[in-house]
N, C-alpha and C. Protein backbone atom coordinates (compact mmCIF):
# COMPACT_ATOMS: atom_id res chain seq x y z
N MET A 1 208.77 -111.66 -47.92
CA MET A 1 208.14 -110.41 -48.38
C MET A 1 208.80 -109.17 -47.81
N PHE A 2 209.34 -109.26 -46.63
CA PHE A 2 210.00 -108.20 -46.02
C PHE A 2 211.24 -107.70 -46.86
N VAL A 3 211.97 -108.62 -47.40
CA VAL A 3 213.13 -108.33 -48.14
C VAL A 3 212.77 -107.53 -49.38
N LYS A 4 211.67 -107.93 -50.04
CA LYS A 4 211.23 -107.17 -51.22
C LYS A 4 210.78 -105.83 -50.84
N TYR A 5 210.11 -105.72 -49.66
CA TYR A 5 209.59 -104.36 -49.20
C TYR A 5 210.72 -103.43 -48.98
N LEU A 6 211.70 -103.87 -48.30
CA LEU A 6 212.85 -103.03 -47.97
C LEU A 6 213.78 -102.80 -49.10
N GLY A 7 213.91 -103.73 -50.03
CA GLY A 7 214.73 -103.59 -51.19
C GLY A 7 216.08 -103.20 -50.91
N LYS A 8 216.65 -102.16 -51.58
CA LYS A 8 217.99 -101.72 -51.49
C LYS A 8 218.29 -101.13 -50.07
N GLY A 9 217.25 -100.89 -49.29
CA GLY A 9 217.48 -100.42 -47.92
C GLY A 9 217.85 -101.45 -46.95
N LEU A 10 217.87 -102.68 -47.38
CA LEU A 10 218.27 -103.81 -46.50
C LEU A 10 219.75 -103.66 -46.10
N GLY A 11 219.98 -103.55 -44.80
CA GLY A 11 221.36 -103.34 -44.30
C GLY A 11 222.07 -104.69 -44.26
N GLU A 12 223.35 -104.62 -43.79
CA GLU A 12 224.17 -105.76 -43.66
C GLU A 12 224.10 -106.35 -42.25
N ILE A 13 223.64 -105.55 -41.27
CA ILE A 13 223.51 -106.01 -39.89
C ILE A 13 222.17 -105.61 -39.36
N ALA A 14 221.50 -106.43 -38.66
CA ALA A 14 220.26 -106.10 -37.97
C ALA A 14 220.38 -106.24 -36.47
N THR A 15 219.63 -105.57 -35.71
CA THR A 15 219.60 -105.69 -34.30
C THR A 15 218.28 -106.32 -33.85
N LEU A 16 218.30 -107.45 -33.15
CA LEU A 16 217.19 -108.09 -32.61
C LEU A 16 217.08 -107.80 -31.18
N SER A 17 215.93 -107.32 -30.68
CA SER A 17 215.80 -107.03 -29.27
C SER A 17 214.65 -107.75 -28.74
N ARG A 18 214.83 -108.20 -27.46
CA ARG A 18 213.77 -108.99 -26.80
C ARG A 18 213.77 -108.57 -25.32
N LEU A 19 212.64 -108.40 -24.84
CA LEU A 19 212.39 -108.02 -23.39
C LEU A 19 212.93 -106.62 -23.12
N SER A 20 213.09 -105.85 -24.14
CA SER A 20 213.52 -104.40 -24.01
C SER A 20 214.82 -104.25 -23.25
N SER A 21 215.54 -105.34 -23.03
CA SER A 21 216.75 -105.16 -22.28
C SER A 21 217.92 -105.91 -22.85
N HIS A 22 217.74 -106.69 -23.84
CA HIS A 22 218.85 -107.48 -24.40
C HIS A 22 218.80 -107.41 -25.93
N GLU A 23 219.96 -107.11 -26.57
CA GLU A 23 220.04 -107.04 -28.03
C GLU A 23 221.04 -107.99 -28.59
N TRP A 24 220.79 -108.44 -29.83
CA TRP A 24 221.73 -109.26 -30.52
C TRP A 24 221.95 -108.61 -31.93
N ARG A 25 223.17 -108.61 -32.32
CA ARG A 25 223.41 -108.01 -33.68
C ARG A 25 223.71 -109.30 -34.51
N VAL A 26 222.96 -109.36 -35.64
CA VAL A 26 223.01 -110.44 -36.54
C VAL A 26 223.30 -109.87 -37.94
N HIS A 27 224.18 -110.66 -38.69
CA HIS A 27 224.49 -110.25 -40.04
C HIS A 27 223.44 -110.77 -40.93
N ILE A 28 223.27 -110.11 -42.12
CA ILE A 28 222.29 -110.46 -43.09
C ILE A 28 223.07 -110.87 -44.34
N ARG A 29 222.79 -112.11 -44.80
CA ARG A 29 223.48 -112.62 -46.01
C ARG A 29 222.47 -113.05 -47.07
N THR A 30 222.71 -112.64 -48.29
CA THR A 30 221.88 -113.04 -49.38
C THR A 30 222.55 -114.10 -50.21
N GLU A 31 221.90 -115.11 -50.54
CA GLU A 31 222.41 -116.23 -51.37
C GLU A 31 221.39 -116.50 -52.45
N ARG A 32 221.68 -117.46 -53.33
CA ARG A 32 220.75 -117.80 -54.42
C ARG A 32 219.41 -118.24 -53.83
N ASP A 33 219.39 -118.96 -52.73
CA ASP A 33 218.14 -119.54 -52.23
C ASP A 33 217.43 -118.67 -51.17
N GLY A 34 217.86 -117.42 -51.00
CA GLY A 34 217.19 -116.47 -50.10
C GLY A 34 218.11 -115.62 -49.32
N THR A 35 217.51 -114.86 -48.47
CA THR A 35 218.26 -113.94 -47.53
C THR A 35 218.07 -114.41 -46.16
N PHE A 36 219.19 -114.50 -45.38
CA PHE A 36 219.28 -115.15 -44.11
C PHE A 36 219.94 -114.27 -43.07
N PHE A 37 219.48 -114.47 -41.79
CA PHE A 37 220.33 -114.02 -40.71
C PHE A 37 221.43 -115.09 -40.54
N SER A 38 222.68 -114.52 -40.39
CA SER A 38 223.82 -115.47 -40.31
C SER A 38 224.57 -115.17 -39.07
N ASP A 39 225.84 -114.67 -39.17
CA ASP A 39 226.70 -114.37 -38.01
C ASP A 39 225.93 -113.66 -36.91
N GLY A 40 225.96 -114.25 -35.72
CA GLY A 40 225.16 -113.59 -34.62
C GLY A 40 223.86 -114.38 -34.33
N TRP A 41 223.35 -115.04 -35.45
CA TRP A 41 222.10 -115.76 -35.29
C TRP A 41 222.25 -116.91 -34.26
N GLU A 42 223.40 -117.59 -34.31
CA GLU A 42 223.57 -118.80 -33.47
C GLU A 42 223.50 -118.35 -31.99
N THR A 43 224.12 -117.22 -31.62
CA THR A 43 224.03 -116.69 -30.29
C THR A 43 222.60 -116.36 -29.90
N PHE A 44 221.83 -115.69 -30.81
CA PHE A 44 220.40 -115.39 -30.55
C PHE A 44 219.65 -116.73 -30.33
N TYR A 45 219.87 -117.67 -31.17
CA TYR A 45 219.26 -119.02 -31.22
C TYR A 45 219.49 -119.73 -29.84
N GLU A 46 220.76 -119.76 -29.44
CA GLU A 46 221.11 -120.45 -28.14
C GLU A 46 220.61 -119.67 -26.91
N ASP A 47 220.81 -118.32 -26.94
CA ASP A 47 220.38 -117.53 -25.82
C ASP A 47 218.85 -117.66 -25.55
N ASN A 48 218.12 -117.81 -26.59
CA ASN A 48 216.69 -117.84 -26.46
C ASN A 48 216.16 -119.36 -26.49
N ASP A 49 217.05 -120.33 -26.45
CA ASP A 49 216.79 -121.70 -26.39
C ASP A 49 215.69 -122.06 -27.34
N LEU A 50 215.89 -121.66 -28.64
CA LEU A 50 214.90 -121.96 -29.66
C LEU A 50 214.83 -123.43 -30.02
N ASP A 51 213.72 -123.96 -30.37
CA ASP A 51 213.46 -125.42 -30.69
C ASP A 51 212.65 -125.38 -31.99
N ILE A 52 212.79 -126.53 -32.67
CA ILE A 52 211.99 -126.76 -33.88
C ILE A 52 210.53 -126.64 -33.53
N GLY A 53 209.74 -125.89 -34.33
CA GLY A 53 208.33 -125.79 -34.09
C GLY A 53 207.87 -124.55 -33.36
N GLU A 54 208.95 -123.79 -32.77
CA GLU A 54 208.67 -122.49 -32.15
C GLU A 54 208.60 -121.46 -33.27
N VAL A 55 207.93 -120.42 -33.01
CA VAL A 55 207.75 -119.38 -34.01
C VAL A 55 208.30 -118.04 -33.51
N VAL A 56 209.10 -117.33 -34.38
CA VAL A 56 209.64 -116.06 -33.99
C VAL A 56 208.93 -115.05 -34.86
N PHE A 57 208.38 -113.98 -34.15
CA PHE A 57 207.73 -112.85 -34.81
C PHE A 57 208.71 -111.73 -34.71
N TYR A 58 208.87 -110.99 -35.78
CA TYR A 58 209.73 -109.84 -35.92
C TYR A 58 208.87 -108.59 -36.14
N THR A 59 209.02 -107.53 -35.38
CA THR A 59 208.35 -106.30 -35.60
C THR A 59 209.41 -105.32 -36.03
N TYR A 60 209.31 -104.79 -37.25
CA TYR A 60 210.36 -103.88 -37.76
C TYR A 60 210.11 -102.52 -37.15
N LEU A 61 211.19 -101.96 -36.45
CA LEU A 61 211.10 -100.67 -35.80
C LEU A 61 211.78 -99.59 -36.58
N GLY A 62 212.44 -99.98 -37.70
CA GLY A 62 213.13 -99.00 -38.54
C GLY A 62 214.70 -99.10 -38.26
N GLY A 63 215.46 -98.70 -39.23
CA GLY A 63 216.85 -98.66 -39.03
C GLY A 63 217.46 -100.00 -38.81
N MET A 64 216.85 -101.09 -39.38
CA MET A 64 217.27 -102.49 -39.26
C MET A 64 217.24 -102.91 -37.81
N HIS A 65 216.35 -102.41 -37.08
CA HIS A 65 216.12 -102.87 -35.67
C HIS A 65 214.73 -103.55 -35.56
N PHE A 66 214.72 -104.75 -34.97
CA PHE A 66 213.53 -105.54 -34.89
C PHE A 66 213.27 -105.86 -33.40
N ASP A 67 211.99 -105.75 -33.01
CA ASP A 67 211.53 -106.25 -31.71
C ASP A 67 211.12 -107.69 -31.95
N VAL A 68 211.45 -108.64 -31.03
CA VAL A 68 211.20 -110.06 -31.34
C VAL A 68 210.35 -110.62 -30.23
N LYS A 69 209.39 -111.42 -30.69
CA LYS A 69 208.60 -112.25 -29.74
C LYS A 69 208.69 -113.69 -30.15
N ILE A 70 208.79 -114.61 -29.21
CA ILE A 70 208.98 -116.04 -29.52
C ILE A 70 207.80 -116.74 -28.92
N PHE A 71 207.21 -117.70 -29.66
CA PHE A 71 206.04 -118.45 -29.20
C PHE A 71 206.35 -119.91 -29.24
N ASN A 72 206.03 -120.61 -28.19
CA ASN A 72 206.19 -122.10 -28.06
C ASN A 72 205.32 -122.81 -29.02
N LYS A 73 205.51 -124.11 -29.12
CA LYS A 73 204.73 -124.94 -30.05
C LYS A 73 203.22 -124.89 -29.63
N ASP A 74 202.94 -124.62 -28.40
CA ASP A 74 201.59 -124.51 -27.97
C ASP A 74 200.95 -123.19 -28.22
N GLY A 75 201.69 -122.25 -28.86
CA GLY A 75 201.13 -120.94 -29.13
C GLY A 75 201.30 -119.86 -28.02
N LEU A 76 201.86 -120.26 -26.89
CA LEU A 76 202.02 -119.24 -25.81
C LEU A 76 203.35 -118.57 -25.96
N GLU A 77 203.41 -117.33 -25.62
CA GLU A 77 204.66 -116.51 -25.76
C GLU A 77 205.66 -117.07 -24.78
N LYS A 78 206.87 -117.18 -25.19
CA LYS A 78 207.96 -117.73 -24.41
C LYS A 78 208.48 -116.52 -23.62
N VAL A 79 208.38 -116.61 -22.31
CA VAL A 79 208.81 -115.46 -21.40
C VAL A 79 210.01 -115.95 -20.67
N TRP A 80 211.08 -115.08 -20.66
CA TRP A 80 212.25 -115.45 -19.95
C TRP A 80 212.62 -114.37 -19.02
N ASP A 81 213.23 -114.76 -17.92
CA ASP A 81 213.77 -113.83 -16.98
C ASP A 81 215.00 -113.16 -17.60
N THR A 82 215.03 -111.86 -17.61
CA THR A 82 216.20 -111.11 -18.16
C THR A 82 217.45 -111.60 -17.59
N TYR A 83 217.54 -111.87 -16.32
CA TYR A 83 218.73 -112.37 -15.69
C TYR A 83 219.17 -113.68 -16.33
N ALA A 84 218.21 -114.53 -16.65
CA ALA A 84 218.55 -115.81 -17.20
C ALA A 84 219.09 -115.75 -18.59
N ILE A 85 218.57 -114.80 -19.29
CA ILE A 85 219.13 -114.62 -20.71
C ILE A 85 220.59 -114.08 -20.61
N GLN A 86 220.80 -113.14 -19.81
CA GLN A 86 222.17 -112.50 -19.72
C GLN A 86 223.20 -113.56 -19.24
N ASN A 87 222.78 -114.52 -18.50
CA ASN A 87 223.76 -115.51 -17.94
C ASN A 87 223.61 -116.86 -18.66
N SER A 88 222.96 -116.90 -19.79
CA SER A 88 222.62 -118.15 -20.52
C SER A 88 223.95 -118.92 -20.91
N ASN A 89 224.93 -118.14 -21.33
CA ASN A 89 226.18 -118.79 -21.72
C ASN A 89 226.81 -119.61 -20.69
N GLU A 90 226.62 -119.20 -19.46
CA GLU A 90 227.25 -119.95 -18.34
C GLU A 90 226.44 -121.08 -17.88
N GLU A 91 225.13 -121.01 -18.02
CA GLU A 91 224.25 -121.93 -17.35
C GLU A 91 223.50 -122.97 -18.31
N SER A 92 223.36 -122.63 -19.59
CA SER A 92 222.52 -123.51 -20.37
C SER A 92 223.26 -124.58 -21.14
N ASP A 93 222.63 -125.65 -21.41
CA ASP A 93 223.13 -126.75 -22.18
C ASP A 93 222.59 -126.69 -23.59
N HIS A 94 223.45 -126.38 -24.55
CA HIS A 94 223.08 -126.21 -25.95
C HIS A 94 223.09 -127.46 -26.76
N ASP A 95 223.21 -128.59 -26.18
CA ASP A 95 223.23 -129.82 -26.95
C ASP A 95 221.87 -130.42 -27.00
N ASN A 96 220.88 -129.69 -27.54
CA ASN A 96 219.53 -130.21 -27.63
C ASN A 96 219.38 -131.06 -28.81
N PRO A 97 219.10 -132.32 -28.66
CA PRO A 97 219.07 -133.27 -29.76
C PRO A 97 217.93 -133.02 -30.74
N SER A 98 216.94 -132.21 -30.35
CA SER A 98 215.82 -131.95 -31.24
C SER A 98 216.07 -130.76 -32.22
N THR A 99 217.20 -130.17 -32.11
CA THR A 99 217.52 -129.04 -33.05
C THR A 99 218.75 -129.49 -33.90
N THR A 100 218.94 -128.82 -35.03
CA THR A 100 220.01 -129.18 -35.86
C THR A 100 220.97 -127.98 -35.98
N GLN A 101 222.15 -128.27 -36.36
CA GLN A 101 223.15 -127.21 -36.54
C GLN A 101 222.77 -126.19 -37.60
N ALA A 102 222.06 -126.59 -38.62
CA ALA A 102 221.70 -125.76 -39.68
C ALA A 102 220.66 -124.68 -39.11
N HIS A 103 219.72 -125.02 -38.26
CA HIS A 103 218.84 -124.06 -37.66
C HIS A 103 219.61 -123.06 -36.80
N ALA A 104 220.68 -123.54 -36.15
CA ALA A 104 221.37 -122.61 -35.26
C ALA A 104 222.25 -121.64 -36.02
N GLU A 105 222.71 -122.09 -37.24
CA GLU A 105 223.61 -121.27 -37.95
C GLU A 105 223.06 -120.21 -38.77
N ARG A 106 221.79 -120.30 -39.24
CA ARG A 106 221.11 -119.30 -40.01
C ARG A 106 219.60 -119.44 -40.02
N ALA A 107 219.01 -118.29 -40.29
CA ALA A 107 217.54 -118.30 -40.26
C ALA A 107 217.06 -117.49 -41.48
N ILE A 108 216.13 -118.01 -42.27
CA ILE A 108 215.68 -117.36 -43.42
C ILE A 108 214.85 -116.13 -43.05
N ILE A 109 214.97 -115.06 -43.87
CA ILE A 109 214.22 -113.80 -43.67
C ILE A 109 213.17 -113.85 -44.85
N PRO A 110 211.90 -113.81 -44.49
CA PRO A 110 210.90 -113.94 -45.56
C PRO A 110 210.80 -112.69 -46.43
C-alpha cells in the first residue's frame, strides 16, 4: 500500500535507520511481481540478524527515510547494542540455516 500512496514520489534509494545511530542505504527495485528493497538490503538483513518469522516495521519519516523497529517471533522488540551492530561484520556468523538467500537478497515493500 505504501508504494501506491507514494506513487511517482518513490525514490530509487531509501535510508533505513535503527537505534538512531546506524543507517543503511538500500536500493528500491520494481519488477512485475512487486517493489522490493534490493542492493543494500542484504547488509541490513545480516547486520540485524533477521530470521524468518521476525517482523520489521517501517515508519516513513519523509524523503525516503524510514525508522525501523524489528520484533522477534514472540512479539518482543529486538534490541541490539549499537556497538554490536557497528561491529557485526567482524563478529557475526551469517550462515544461519533457518534463513534463505532469497530473504537476504531482497524484501518486498507493501
